[in-house]
Amino acid sequence: MNIERDLEGWTIAFDLDGTLVDSAPDLIGTLNRMLAEYELPPVPMSSTRHLVGHGAMAMLRHGFMEAGAAWDEAHAPGLFERFIEDYMAHIADESRPFDGCVAALDRLSARGAILCVATNKRTDLSVALIEALGLTRHFAFVAGPDAVSARKPSGAHIIEAVQKAGGDPARCVMVGDSTTDTRAAKDAGVPCIAVSFGYNDVPHNELGGDVMIDHYDAFEAALAGVMRA
């Protein structure tokens, strides 16, 4: 079946955690192993999932505070490095692309779109996760905050990721699951598709974005809508 390459000239920038991949199980697994080292109780997924997009340090602080333990900033760098080491060793034990994601990426590529990743997850960790899940072929560039001049919610993150992927920021759509993503899209002056199934940090009706989808089956229709707007 021939697919019309009607998306040539367009770039779609995706957030990673909570947008492309359900990575919370492995991140929270690492957090709970760190807590166990201090004989502290594990944190449940339900109370921590929303923090995934805020980074390892936020998760560590939350875990210690929820366990009733004192948080010592002096020990934070060492804890952070141990967190990263453990997480890298378990980066795709349970993490998986969200349902319908891979098929949607295949269709978008076949239609000629350039795909890239704009994530606040460190680039080396992002690349490792993407590679472990067999998604590397889809993306022209993966931009963690260390690969650009400013991290989301700065629009510069999206603009530079798109440029590094070989795309035109004037013909770009951002896809994300949090206010970090929707604010970055607004700052960059690009439309945004929000997903409801990620690690949303506010109620859905406050998330922002131009349109929200509940499943990747609805992505292409949503894309057509924001491109026409």
N, C-alpha and C. Protein backbone atom coordinates (compact mmCIF):
# COMPACT_ATOMS: atom_id res chain seq x y z
N MET A 1 0.84 -1.19 0.00
CA MET A 1 0.00 0.00 0.00
C MET A 1 0.88 1.24 0.00
N ASN A 2 0.65 2.14 -0.92
CA ASN A 2 1.40 3.39 -0.99
C ASN A 2 0.82 4.40 0.00
N ILE A 3 1.72 5.03 0.76
CA ILE A 3 1.31 6.05 1.72
C ILE A 3 1.78 7.40 1.20
N GLU A 4 0.86 8.34 1.12
CA GLU A 4 1.21 9.67 0.63
C GLU A 4 2.17 10.33 1.62
N ARG A 5 3.25 10.91 1.09
CA ARG A 5 4.24 11.57 1.94
C ARG A 5 3.84 13.04 2.16
N ASP A 6 2.69 13.19 2.80
CA ASP A 6 2.10 14.51 2.97
C ASP A 6 2.66 15.28 4.16
N LEU A 7 3.55 14.64 4.94
CA LEU A 7 4.13 15.32 6.09
C LEU A 7 5.57 15.77 5.84
N GLU A 8 6.02 15.65 4.61
CA GLU A 8 7.37 16.12 4.32
C GLU A 8 7.48 17.62 4.60
N GLY A 9 8.56 18.00 5.24
CA GLY A 9 8.75 19.40 5.63
C GLY A 9 8.27 19.69 7.04
N TRP A 10 7.58 18.74 7.67
CA TRP A 10 7.10 18.90 9.04
C TRP A 10 7.98 18.10 10.00
N THR A 11 8.17 18.64 11.20
CA THR A 11 8.90 17.93 12.26
C THR A 11 7.98 17.78 13.46
N ILE A 12 7.99 16.60 14.04
CA ILE A 12 7.20 16.35 15.25
C ILE A 12 8.18 16.05 16.38
N ALA A 13 8.13 16.88 17.41
CA ALA A 13 9.02 16.73 18.57
C ALA A 13 8.24 16.10 19.72
N PHE A 14 8.77 15.03 20.25
CA PHE A 14 8.11 14.29 21.33
C PHE A 14 8.89 14.43 22.64
N ASP A 15 8.16 14.62 23.72
CA ASP A 15 8.71 14.37 25.04
C ASP A 15 8.91 12.85 25.15
N LEU A 16 9.70 12.42 26.12
CA LEU A 16 10.00 10.99 26.24
C LEU A 16 9.21 10.31 27.35
N ASP A 17 9.57 10.57 28.60
CA ASP A 17 8.91 9.91 29.74
C ASP A 17 7.47 10.40 29.86
N GLY A 18 6.54 9.47 29.83
CA GLY A 18 5.14 9.83 29.97
C GLY A 18 4.46 10.19 28.67
N THR A 19 5.23 10.30 27.59
CA THR A 19 4.66 10.64 26.28
C THR A 19 4.89 9.51 25.29
N LEU A 20 6.14 9.14 25.10
CA LEU A 20 6.47 7.99 24.25
C LEU A 20 6.53 6.70 25.05
N VAL A 21 7.08 6.78 26.25
CA VAL A 21 7.40 5.58 27.03
C VAL A 21 6.84 5.69 28.45
N ASP A 22 6.25 4.59 28.91
CA ASP A 22 5.84 4.47 30.30
C ASP A 22 7.06 3.97 31.07
N SER A 23 7.84 4.91 31.56
CA SER A 23 9.11 4.60 32.21
C SER A 23 9.03 4.64 33.73
N ALA A 24 7.87 4.98 34.26
CA ALA A 24 7.72 5.13 35.70
C ALA A 24 8.10 3.86 36.48
N PRO A 25 7.73 2.65 36.01
CA PRO A 25 8.07 1.47 36.82
C PRO A 25 9.56 1.34 37.11
N ASP A 26 10.41 1.62 36.14
CA ASP A 26 11.85 1.47 36.36
C ASP A 26 12.43 2.62 37.16
N LEU A 27 11.93 3.83 36.95
CA LEU A 27 12.41 4.97 37.74
C LEU A 27 12.03 4.81 39.20
N ILE A 28 10.79 4.42 39.45
CA ILE A 28 10.35 4.25 40.83
C ILE A 28 10.98 3.00 41.44
N GLY A 29 11.27 2.01 40.61
CA GLY A 29 12.01 0.84 41.09
C GLY A 29 13.38 1.24 41.61
N THR A 30 14.08 2.09 40.87
CA THR A 30 15.39 2.59 41.32
C THR A 30 15.24 3.38 42.61
N LEU A 31 14.23 4.26 42.67
CA LEU A 31 14.00 5.04 43.88
C LEU A 31 13.80 4.12 45.08
N ASN A 32 13.02 3.09 44.92
CA ASN A 32 12.74 2.20 46.05
C ASN A 32 13.96 1.39 46.46
N ARG A 33 14.83 1.06 45.51
CA ARG A 33 16.08 0.39 45.90
C ARG A 33 16.98 1.34 46.69
N MET A 34 16.96 2.62 46.32
CA MET A 34 17.74 3.60 47.07
C MET A 34 17.20 3.73 48.50
N LEU A 35 15.88 3.77 48.62
CA LEU A 35 15.28 3.88 49.95
C LEU A 35 15.59 2.65 50.79
N ALA A 36 15.59 1.48 50.16
CA ALA A 36 15.86 0.24 50.89
C ALA A 36 17.28 0.25 51.47
N GLU A 37 18.22 0.91 50.79
CA GLU A 37 19.58 1.00 51.32
C GLU A 37 19.60 1.69 52.68
N TYR A 38 18.62 2.58 52.89
CA TYR A 38 18.53 3.31 54.15
C TYR A 38 17.46 2.71 55.07
N GLU A 39 17.03 1.51 54.73
CA GLU A 39 16.00 0.81 55.52
C GLU A 39 14.74 1.64 55.64
N LEU A 40 14.40 2.32 54.53
CA LEU A 40 13.18 3.12 54.47
C LEU A 40 12.13 2.38 53.64
N PRO A 41 10.85 2.62 53.90
CA PRO A 41 9.80 1.92 53.16
C PRO A 41 9.71 2.40 51.71
N PRO A 42 9.26 1.54 50.82
CA PRO A 42 9.11 1.94 49.42
C PRO A 42 7.96 2.93 49.25
N VAL A 43 8.03 3.70 48.18
CA VAL A 43 6.93 4.61 47.85
C VAL A 43 6.05 3.93 46.81
N PRO A 44 4.74 4.13 46.90
CA PRO A 44 3.85 3.52 45.91
C PRO A 44 3.89 4.29 44.59
N MET A 45 3.60 3.58 43.52
CA MET A 45 3.56 4.20 42.20
C MET A 45 2.59 5.37 42.18
N SER A 46 1.45 5.21 42.86
CA SER A 46 0.38 6.21 42.78
C SER A 46 0.80 7.57 43.32
N SER A 47 1.70 7.59 44.29
CA SER A 47 2.08 8.86 44.90
C SER A 47 3.31 9.50 44.26
N THR A 48 3.93 8.78 43.33
CA THR A 48 5.22 9.23 42.81
C THR A 48 5.22 9.41 41.30
N ARG A 49 4.28 8.78 40.63
CA ARG A 49 4.26 8.77 39.17
C ARG A 49 4.30 10.18 38.58
N HIS A 50 3.58 11.13 39.21
CA HIS A 50 3.50 12.48 38.67
C HIS A 50 4.83 13.22 38.72
N LEU A 51 5.80 12.70 39.50
CA LEU A 51 7.09 13.37 39.64
C LEU A 51 8.12 12.93 38.60
N VAL A 52 7.78 11.93 37.80
CA VAL A 52 8.75 11.36 36.87
C VAL A 52 9.35 12.44 35.98
N GLY A 53 8.53 13.34 35.48
CA GLY A 53 9.03 14.36 34.58
C GLY A 53 9.84 15.46 35.24
N HIS A 54 9.94 15.40 36.57
CA HIS A 54 10.64 16.46 37.28
C HIS A 54 12.08 16.09 37.65
N GLY A 55 12.51 14.88 37.29
CA GLY A 55 13.90 14.50 37.47
C GLY A 55 14.15 13.64 38.69
N ALA A 56 15.35 13.04 38.70
CA ALA A 56 15.73 12.11 39.76
C ALA A 56 15.79 12.77 41.12
N MET A 57 16.32 14.00 41.17
CA MET A 57 16.47 14.65 42.47
C MET A 57 15.13 14.91 43.13
N ALA A 58 14.15 15.32 42.34
CA ALA A 58 12.80 15.54 42.90
C ALA A 58 12.22 14.24 43.42
N MET A 59 12.46 13.14 42.70
CA MET A 59 11.96 11.85 43.15
C MET A 59 12.64 11.41 44.43
N LEU A 60 13.96 11.64 44.52
CA LEU A 60 14.68 11.27 45.73
C LEU A 60 14.19 12.06 46.94
N ARG A 61 14.05 13.37 46.79
CA ARG A 61 13.55 14.19 47.89
C ARG A 61 12.18 13.71 48.35
N HIS A 62 11.29 13.46 47.37
CA HIS A 62 9.94 13.00 47.68
C HIS A 62 9.98 11.68 48.44
N GLY A 63 10.81 10.75 47.97
CA GLY A 63 10.88 9.43 48.60
C GLY A 63 11.33 9.51 50.04
N PHE A 64 12.37 10.30 50.30
CA PHE A 64 12.87 10.42 51.67
C PHE A 64 11.85 11.13 52.56
N MET A 65 11.23 12.17 52.02
CA MET A 65 10.26 12.92 52.83
C MET A 65 9.03 12.07 53.12
N GLU A 66 8.56 11.31 52.10
CA GLU A 66 7.37 10.48 52.33
C GLU A 66 7.66 9.39 53.36
N ALA A 67 8.91 8.94 53.41
CA ALA A 67 9.29 7.91 54.39
C ALA A 67 9.52 8.51 55.78
N GLY A 68 9.42 9.84 55.89
CA GLY A 68 9.62 10.49 57.18
C GLY A 68 11.08 10.68 57.54
N ALA A 69 11.97 10.54 56.55
CA ALA A 69 13.40 10.67 56.80
C ALA A 69 13.88 12.08 56.47
N ALA A 70 14.93 12.51 57.14
CA ALA A 70 15.50 13.82 56.87
C ALA A 70 16.21 13.81 55.52
N TRP A 71 16.07 14.90 54.81
CA TRP A 71 16.76 15.05 53.51
C TRP A 71 17.97 15.96 53.72
N ASP A 72 19.14 15.45 53.42
CA ASP A 72 20.39 16.19 53.62
C ASP A 72 20.95 16.58 52.26
N GLU A 73 20.91 17.88 51.96
CA GLU A 73 21.41 18.36 50.67
C GLU A 73 22.89 18.03 50.47
N ALA A 74 23.63 17.90 51.54
CA ALA A 74 25.05 17.58 51.42
C ALA A 74 25.27 16.21 50.81
N HIS A 75 24.32 15.30 51.04
CA HIS A 75 24.44 13.95 50.50
C HIS A 75 23.78 13.80 49.13
N ALA A 76 23.12 14.86 48.68
CA ALA A 76 22.34 14.76 47.44
C ALA A 76 23.18 14.37 46.22
N PRO A 77 24.36 14.95 46.00
CA PRO A 77 25.13 14.57 44.80
C PRO A 77 25.47 13.09 44.76
N GLY A 78 25.87 12.52 45.89
CA GLY A 78 26.19 11.10 45.93
C GLY A 78 24.97 10.23 45.68
N LEU A 79 23.84 10.62 46.28
CA LEU A 79 22.60 9.88 46.06
C LEU A 79 22.20 9.94 44.59
N PHE A 80 22.34 11.12 44.01
CA PHE A 80 21.98 11.30 42.61
C PHE A 80 22.82 10.39 41.72
N GLU A 81 24.11 10.35 41.94
CA GLU A 81 24.98 9.51 41.10
C GLU A 81 24.64 8.04 41.27
N ARG A 82 24.34 7.60 42.48
CA ARG A 82 23.96 6.20 42.69
C ARG A 82 22.62 5.90 42.04
N PHE A 83 21.72 6.87 42.09
CA PHE A 83 20.42 6.71 41.42
C PHE A 83 20.63 6.48 39.92
N ILE A 84 21.45 7.34 39.29
CA ILE A 84 21.68 7.23 37.85
C ILE A 84 22.33 5.90 37.51
N GLU A 85 23.30 5.48 38.30
CA GLU A 85 23.99 4.21 38.04
C GLU A 85 23.02 3.04 38.10
N ASP A 86 22.17 3.01 39.12
CA ASP A 86 21.20 1.93 39.26
C ASP A 86 20.17 1.99 38.14
N TYR A 87 19.69 3.20 37.85
CA TYR A 87 18.67 3.33 36.81
C TYR A 87 19.20 2.88 35.45
N MET A 88 20.42 3.24 35.12
CA MET A 88 20.98 2.82 33.84
C MET A 88 21.03 1.30 33.73
N ALA A 89 21.28 0.63 34.85
CA ALA A 89 21.36 -0.83 34.84
C ALA A 89 19.98 -1.49 34.70
N HIS A 90 18.92 -0.72 34.97
CA HIS A 90 17.56 -1.28 34.94
C HIS A 90 16.65 -0.45 34.04
N ILE A 91 17.20 0.23 33.05
CA ILE A 91 16.49 1.28 32.33
C ILE A 91 15.28 0.79 31.54
N ALA A 92 15.31 -0.47 31.15
CA ALA A 92 14.17 -0.98 30.37
C ALA A 92 13.70 -2.33 30.89
N ASP A 93 13.83 -2.54 32.20
CA ASP A 93 13.31 -3.79 32.77
C ASP A 93 11.81 -3.89 32.56
N GLU A 94 11.10 -2.81 32.87
CA GLU A 94 9.65 -2.80 32.74
C GLU A 94 9.12 -1.67 31.87
N SER A 95 9.97 -0.74 31.51
CA SER A 95 9.52 0.40 30.68
C SER A 95 9.13 -0.07 29.29
N ARG A 96 8.04 0.47 28.78
CA ARG A 96 7.56 0.08 27.46
C ARG A 96 6.94 1.29 26.75
N PRO A 97 6.99 1.32 25.42
CA PRO A 97 6.26 2.38 24.70
C PRO A 97 4.78 2.29 25.01
N PHE A 98 4.12 3.42 25.06
CA PHE A 98 2.68 3.42 25.28
C PHE A 98 1.96 2.73 24.12
N ASP A 99 0.81 2.18 24.41
CA ASP A 99 0.04 1.42 23.43
C ASP A 99 -0.22 2.26 22.18
N GLY A 100 0.11 1.71 21.04
CA GLY A 100 -0.13 2.38 19.77
C GLY A 100 0.97 3.31 19.34
N CYS A 101 1.94 3.57 20.22
CA CYS A 101 2.99 4.55 19.93
C CYS A 101 3.85 4.13 18.75
N VAL A 102 4.36 2.91 18.77
CA VAL A 102 5.30 2.48 17.72
C VAL A 102 4.63 2.48 16.35
N ALA A 103 3.40 2.01 16.29
CA ALA A 103 2.67 2.01 15.02
C ALA A 103 2.48 3.44 14.51
N ALA A 104 2.19 4.37 15.43
CA ALA A 104 2.02 5.77 15.02
C ALA A 104 3.33 6.35 14.50
N LEU A 105 4.43 6.05 15.16
CA LEU A 105 5.73 6.53 14.70
C LEU A 105 6.06 5.98 13.32
N ASP A 106 5.76 4.71 13.09
CA ASP A 106 6.00 4.11 11.77
C ASP A 106 5.20 4.85 10.70
N ARG A 107 3.94 5.14 10.99
CA ARG A 107 3.10 5.81 9.99
C ARG A 107 3.58 7.24 9.73
N LEU A 108 3.97 7.94 10.78
CA LEU A 108 4.45 9.31 10.62
C LEU A 108 5.72 9.35 9.77
N SER A 109 6.63 8.42 10.03
CA SER A 109 7.86 8.36 9.23
C SER A 109 7.54 8.04 7.78
N ALA A 110 6.62 7.10 7.57
CA ALA A 110 6.25 6.73 6.21
C ALA A 110 5.62 7.90 5.46
N ARG A 111 4.96 8.80 6.21
CA ARG A 111 4.33 9.98 5.59
C ARG A 111 5.33 11.12 5.40
N GLY A 112 6.59 10.90 5.77
CA GLY A 112 7.63 11.88 5.48
C GLY A 112 8.00 12.82 6.60
N ALA A 113 7.40 12.67 7.79
CA ALA A 113 7.71 13.58 8.90
C ALA A 113 9.10 13.30 9.45
N ILE A 114 9.77 14.35 9.89
CA ILE A 114 10.98 14.22 10.69
C ILE A 114 10.55 14.09 12.15
N LEU A 115 11.09 13.12 12.86
CA LEU A 115 10.74 12.92 14.26
C LEU A 115 11.97 13.17 15.13
N CYS A 116 11.76 13.85 16.24
CA CYS A 116 12.85 14.06 17.19
C CYS A 116 12.30 13.99 18.61
N VAL A 117 13.20 13.97 19.58
CA VAL A 117 12.83 13.92 20.98
C VAL A 117 13.37 15.16 21.67
N ALA A 118 12.51 15.83 22.43
CA ALA A 118 12.91 16.99 23.25
C ALA A 118 12.49 16.67 24.69
N THR A 119 13.44 16.25 25.50
CA THR A 119 13.15 15.74 26.83
C THR A 119 14.05 16.37 27.87
N ASN A 120 13.55 16.52 29.08
CA ASN A 120 14.39 16.99 30.18
C ASN A 120 15.17 15.86 30.82
N LYS A 121 15.03 14.66 30.31
CA LYS A 121 15.86 13.53 30.75
C LYS A 121 17.24 13.69 30.10
N ARG A 122 18.29 13.43 30.84
CA ARG A 122 19.64 13.56 30.31
C ARG A 122 19.79 12.80 29.00
N THR A 123 20.56 13.35 28.07
CA THR A 123 20.63 12.76 26.73
C THR A 123 21.14 11.34 26.75
N ASP A 124 22.18 11.04 27.54
CA ASP A 124 22.72 9.68 27.56
C ASP A 124 21.68 8.67 28.06
N LEU A 125 20.91 9.07 29.06
CA LEU A 125 19.86 8.18 29.57
C LEU A 125 18.74 8.03 28.54
N SER A 126 18.40 9.13 27.88
CA SER A 126 17.34 9.09 26.86
C SER A 126 17.73 8.17 25.71
N VAL A 127 18.95 8.33 25.22
CA VAL A 127 19.42 7.50 24.11
C VAL A 127 19.46 6.03 24.53
N ALA A 128 19.92 5.76 25.76
CA ALA A 128 19.98 4.38 26.24
C ALA A 128 18.60 3.76 26.32
N LEU A 129 17.61 4.50 26.80
CA LEU A 129 16.24 3.99 26.89
C LEU A 129 15.67 3.74 25.50
N ILE A 130 15.84 4.70 24.61
CA ILE A 130 15.32 4.57 23.26
C ILE A 130 15.95 3.37 22.54
N GLU A 131 17.26 3.21 22.72
CA GLU A 131 17.95 2.07 22.10
C GLU A 131 17.46 0.75 22.69
N ALA A 132 17.31 0.70 24.01
CA ALA A 132 16.89 -0.55 24.66
C ALA A 132 15.51 -0.99 24.21
N LEU A 133 14.67 -0.03 23.83
CA LEU A 133 13.30 -0.34 23.39
C LEU A 133 13.19 -0.47 21.88
N GLY A 134 14.31 -0.38 21.17
CA GLY A 134 14.30 -0.56 19.71
C GLY A 134 13.65 0.57 18.96
N LEU A 135 13.72 1.79 19.50
CA LEU A 135 13.05 2.94 18.88
C LEU A 135 14.01 3.87 18.14
N THR A 136 15.29 3.56 18.15
CA THR A 136 16.29 4.49 17.63
C THR A 136 16.01 4.89 16.18
N ARG A 137 15.56 3.94 15.39
CA ARG A 137 15.37 4.19 13.95
C ARG A 137 14.38 5.31 13.67
N HIS A 138 13.54 5.62 14.63
CA HIS A 138 12.48 6.59 14.38
C HIS A 138 12.95 8.04 14.45
N PHE A 139 14.03 8.30 15.18
CA PHE A 139 14.32 9.69 15.57
C PHE A 139 15.60 10.21 14.93
N ALA A 140 15.47 11.39 14.32
CA ALA A 140 16.62 12.04 13.70
C ALA A 140 17.55 12.66 14.73
N PHE A 141 17.01 13.02 15.89
CA PHE A 141 17.83 13.60 16.95
C PHE A 141 17.12 13.43 18.28
N VAL A 142 17.92 13.19 19.33
CA VAL A 142 17.41 13.10 20.70
C VAL A 142 18.09 14.19 21.51
N ALA A 143 17.31 15.13 22.01
CA ALA A 143 17.85 16.29 22.72
C ALA A 143 17.42 16.30 24.17
N GLY A 144 18.32 15.86 25.05
CA GLY A 144 18.15 16.13 26.47
C GLY A 144 18.55 17.56 26.75
N PRO A 145 18.41 18.01 28.00
CA PRO A 145 18.72 19.40 28.31
C PRO A 145 20.19 19.75 28.11
N ASP A 146 21.07 18.74 28.18
CA ASP A 146 22.50 18.97 27.99
C ASP A 146 22.88 19.13 26.53
N ALA A 147 21.95 18.88 25.61
CA ALA A 147 22.23 18.99 24.18
C ALA A 147 21.74 20.31 23.59
N VAL A 148 21.10 21.14 24.41
CA VAL A 148 20.54 22.41 23.95
C VAL A 148 20.92 23.51 24.93
N SER A 149 20.55 24.74 24.60
CA SER A 149 20.96 25.87 25.42
C SER A 149 20.06 26.10 26.63
N ALA A 150 18.85 25.57 26.62
CA ALA A 150 17.91 25.77 27.73
C ALA A 150 16.94 24.60 27.77
N ARG A 151 16.56 24.21 28.96
CA ARG A 151 15.65 23.07 29.10
C ARG A 151 14.19 23.55 29.10
N LYS A 152 13.29 22.64 28.75
CA LYS A 152 11.86 22.97 28.86
C LYS A 152 11.56 23.38 30.29
N PRO A 153 10.74 24.40 30.51
CA PRO A 153 9.72 24.96 29.61
C PRO A 153 10.20 26.05 28.66
N SER A 154 11.49 26.22 28.51
CA SER A 154 11.96 27.17 27.50
C SER A 154 11.68 26.62 26.11
N GLY A 155 11.14 27.47 25.26
CA GLY A 155 10.89 27.06 23.88
C GLY A 155 12.16 26.80 23.11
N ALA A 156 13.30 27.33 23.60
CA ALA A 156 14.57 27.09 22.91
C ALA A 156 14.88 25.60 22.83
N HIS A 157 14.44 24.84 23.81
CA HIS A 157 14.70 23.39 23.80
C HIS A 157 14.06 22.75 22.56
N ILE A 158 12.81 23.09 22.31
CA ILE A 158 12.11 22.54 21.15
C ILE A 158 12.74 23.04 19.85
N ILE A 159 12.95 24.34 19.78
CA ILE A 159 13.48 24.93 18.54
C ILE A 159 14.82 24.32 18.17
N GLU A 160 15.72 24.20 19.15
CA GLU A 160 17.05 23.66 18.86
C GLU A 160 17.00 22.17 18.56
N ALA A 161 16.12 21.43 19.23
CA ALA A 161 15.98 20.00 18.92
C ALA A 161 15.52 19.80 17.48
N VAL A 162 14.56 20.60 17.07
CA VAL A 162 14.06 20.51 15.69
C VAL A 162 15.15 20.87 14.69
N GLN A 163 15.88 21.92 14.98
CA GLN A 163 16.96 22.33 14.07
C GLN A 163 18.04 21.26 13.98
N LYS A 164 18.41 20.66 15.09
CA LYS A 164 19.44 19.62 15.10
C LYS A 164 18.97 18.36 14.37
N ALA A 165 17.65 18.18 14.32
CA ALA A 165 17.09 17.05 13.57
C ALA A 165 16.99 17.32 12.09
N GLY A 166 17.29 18.57 11.69
CA GLY A 166 17.21 18.94 10.28
C GLY A 166 15.87 19.50 9.88
N GLY A 167 15.07 19.89 10.86
CA GLY A 167 13.74 20.40 10.58
C GLY A 167 13.64 21.91 10.68
N ASP A 168 12.45 22.41 10.40
CA ASP A 168 12.15 23.84 10.42
C ASP A 168 11.21 24.13 11.58
N PRO A 169 11.64 24.91 12.59
CA PRO A 169 10.77 25.19 13.73
C PRO A 169 9.45 25.86 13.34
N ALA A 170 9.40 26.47 12.16
CA ALA A 170 8.15 27.10 11.71
C ALA A 170 7.13 26.07 11.27
N ARG A 171 7.56 24.83 11.08
CA ARG A 171 6.65 23.74 10.69
C ARG A 171 6.88 22.57 11.64
N CYS A 172 6.49 22.80 12.88
CA CYS A 172 6.77 21.84 13.95
C CYS A 172 5.55 21.69 14.84
N VAL A 173 5.39 20.50 15.40
CA VAL A 173 4.36 20.22 16.40
C VAL A 173 5.05 19.54 17.59
N MET A 174 4.72 19.98 18.79
CA MET A 174 5.24 19.37 20.01
C MET A 174 4.21 18.41 20.58
N VAL A 175 4.68 17.32 21.18
CA VAL A 175 3.81 16.33 21.81
C VAL A 175 4.33 16.08 23.22
N GLY A 176 3.46 16.23 24.23
CA GLY A 176 3.92 16.04 25.60
C GLY A 176 2.80 15.73 26.56
N ASP A 177 3.19 15.49 27.82
CA ASP A 177 2.22 15.06 28.82
C ASP A 177 2.14 15.97 30.03
N SER A 178 2.91 17.08 30.05
CA SER A 178 2.95 17.91 31.24
C SER A 178 2.93 19.39 30.89
N THR A 179 2.77 20.22 31.90
CA THR A 179 2.81 21.65 31.68
C THR A 179 4.20 22.10 31.23
N THR A 180 5.22 21.34 31.57
CA THR A 180 6.56 21.66 31.07
C THR A 180 6.56 21.64 29.55
N ASP A 181 5.86 20.68 28.97
CA ASP A 181 5.80 20.55 27.51
C ASP A 181 4.89 21.60 26.89
N THR A 182 3.71 21.81 27.48
CA THR A 182 2.77 22.76 26.89
C THR A 182 3.30 24.19 27.00
N ARG A 183 3.96 24.50 28.08
CA ARG A 183 4.55 25.84 28.24
C ARG A 183 5.71 26.04 27.26
N ALA A 184 6.50 25.00 27.07
CA ALA A 184 7.62 25.10 26.11
C ALA A 184 7.09 25.31 24.70
N ALA A 185 6.03 24.60 24.35
CA ALA A 185 5.45 24.76 23.01
C ALA A 185 4.93 26.18 22.83
N LYS A 186 4.26 26.71 23.84
CA LYS A 186 3.75 28.08 23.75
C LYS A 186 4.90 29.07 23.60
N ASP A 187 5.99 28.84 24.36
CA ASP A 187 7.13 29.74 24.29
C ASP A 187 7.81 29.68 22.93
N ALA A 188 7.78 28.48 22.32
CA ALA A 188 8.39 28.31 20.99
C ALA A 188 7.47 28.76 19.87
N GLY A 189 6.19 28.99 20.19
CA GLY A 189 5.22 29.39 19.17
C GLY A 189 4.81 28.26 18.25
N VAL A 190 4.76 27.03 18.82
CA VAL A 190 4.38 25.87 18.01
C VAL A 190 3.15 25.21 18.63
N PRO A 191 2.32 24.56 17.81
CA PRO A 191 1.16 23.85 18.38
C PRO A 191 1.59 22.66 19.21
N CYS A 192 0.73 22.26 20.12
CA CYS A 192 1.06 21.16 21.03
C CYS A 192 -0.09 20.17 21.15
N ILE A 193 0.23 18.91 20.99
CA ILE A 193 -0.70 17.82 21.27
C ILE A 193 -0.35 17.27 22.65
N ALA A 194 -1.30 17.30 23.58
CA ALA A 194 -1.09 16.76 24.92
C ALA A 194 -1.68 15.36 25.00
N VAL A 195 -1.01 14.50 25.78
CA VAL A 195 -1.52 13.14 25.98
C VAL A 195 -2.02 13.02 27.42
N SER A 196 -3.13 12.33 27.58
CA SER A 196 -3.75 12.23 28.90
C SER A 196 -3.22 11.07 29.72
N PHE A 197 -2.45 10.17 29.08
CA PHE A 197 -2.07 8.92 29.74
C PHE A 197 -0.69 8.99 30.40
N GLY A 198 -0.05 10.16 30.36
CA GLY A 198 1.30 10.27 30.90
C GLY A 198 1.32 10.67 32.36
N TYR A 199 2.36 11.43 32.71
CA TYR A 199 2.59 11.80 34.10
C TYR A 199 2.15 13.24 34.31
N ASN A 200 0.90 13.50 34.02
CA ASN A 200 0.36 14.85 34.09
C ASN A 200 0.52 15.42 35.50
N ASP A 201 1.04 16.64 35.59
CA ASP A 201 1.30 17.25 36.88
C ASP A 201 0.18 18.18 37.33
N VAL A 202 -0.87 18.34 36.52
CA VAL A 202 -2.04 19.12 36.88
C VAL A 202 -3.27 18.39 36.32
N PRO A 203 -4.48 18.77 36.74
CA PRO A 203 -5.67 18.17 36.12
C PRO A 203 -5.68 18.37 34.61
N HIS A 204 -6.28 17.43 33.91
CA HIS A 204 -6.26 17.46 32.45
C HIS A 204 -6.77 18.78 31.87
N ASN A 205 -7.79 19.34 32.50
CA ASN A 205 -8.36 20.57 31.95
C ASN A 205 -7.48 21.79 32.17
N GLU A 206 -6.40 21.62 32.93
CA GLU A 206 -5.46 22.71 33.16
C GLU A 206 -4.13 22.49 32.45
N LEU A 207 -4.02 21.41 31.71
CA LEU A 207 -2.74 21.03 31.13
C LEU A 207 -2.31 21.98 30.01
N GLY A 208 -3.26 22.49 29.28
CA GLY A 208 -2.92 23.34 28.15
C GLY A 208 -2.73 22.50 26.90
N GLY A 209 -2.09 23.07 25.91
CA GLY A 209 -1.97 22.38 24.64
C GLY A 209 -3.17 22.73 23.76
N ASP A 210 -3.06 22.39 22.50
CA ASP A 210 -4.11 22.70 21.53
C ASP A 210 -5.17 21.62 21.45
N VAL A 211 -4.78 20.39 21.74
CA VAL A 211 -5.70 19.26 21.70
C VAL A 211 -5.13 18.18 22.60
N MET A 212 -6.01 17.36 23.17
CA MET A 212 -5.56 16.26 24.02
C MET A 212 -6.05 14.94 23.45
N ILE A 213 -5.19 13.92 23.49
CA ILE A 213 -5.59 12.59 23.04
C ILE A 213 -5.46 11.61 24.20
N ASP A 214 -6.26 10.55 24.13
CA ASP A 214 -6.25 9.51 25.16
C ASP A 214 -5.54 8.24 24.69
N HIS A 215 -5.19 8.19 23.41
CA HIS A 215 -4.54 7.00 22.84
C HIS A 215 -3.86 7.40 21.54
N TYR A 216 -2.79 6.72 21.20
CA TYR A 216 -2.10 7.05 19.95
C TYR A 216 -2.92 6.76 18.70
N ASP A 217 -3.97 5.99 18.83
CA ASP A 217 -4.86 5.77 17.68
C ASP A 217 -5.48 7.10 17.21
N ALA A 218 -5.58 8.07 18.10
CA ALA A 218 -6.18 9.36 17.77
C ALA A 218 -5.14 10.40 17.35
N PHE A 219 -3.88 10.00 17.29
CA PHE A 219 -2.83 11.00 17.09
C PHE A 219 -2.91 11.68 15.73
N GLU A 220 -3.06 10.91 14.68
CA GLU A 220 -2.99 11.51 13.34
C GLU A 220 -4.15 12.45 13.06
N ALA A 221 -5.32 12.15 13.60
CA ALA A 221 -6.43 13.07 13.46
C ALA A 221 -6.17 14.37 14.21
N ALA A 222 -5.58 14.24 15.41
CA ALA A 222 -5.23 15.42 16.19
C ALA A 222 -4.16 16.24 15.48
N LEU A 223 -3.20 15.56 14.88
CA LEU A 223 -2.14 16.23 14.15
C LEU A 223 -2.71 17.04 12.98
N ALA A 224 -3.61 16.42 12.25
CA ALA A 224 -4.22 17.12 11.12
C ALA A 224 -4.94 18.38 11.59
N GLY A 225 -5.58 18.30 12.74
CA GLY A 225 -6.30 19.45 13.28
C GLY A 225 -5.38 20.60 13.63
N VAL A 226 -4.27 20.31 14.33
CA VAL A 226 -3.39 21.41 14.76
C VAL A 226 -2.60 21.97 13.56
N MET A 227 -2.36 21.15 12.56
CA MET A 227 -1.66 21.65 11.37
C MET A 227 -2.54 22.60 10.56
N ARG A 228 -3.86 22.39 10.61
CA ARG A 228 -4.79 23.26 9.87
C ARG A 228 -5.03 24.57 10.60
N ALA A 229 -4.85 24.56 11.92
CA ALA A 229 -5.20 25.73 12.75
C ALA A 229 -4.30 26.93 12.43
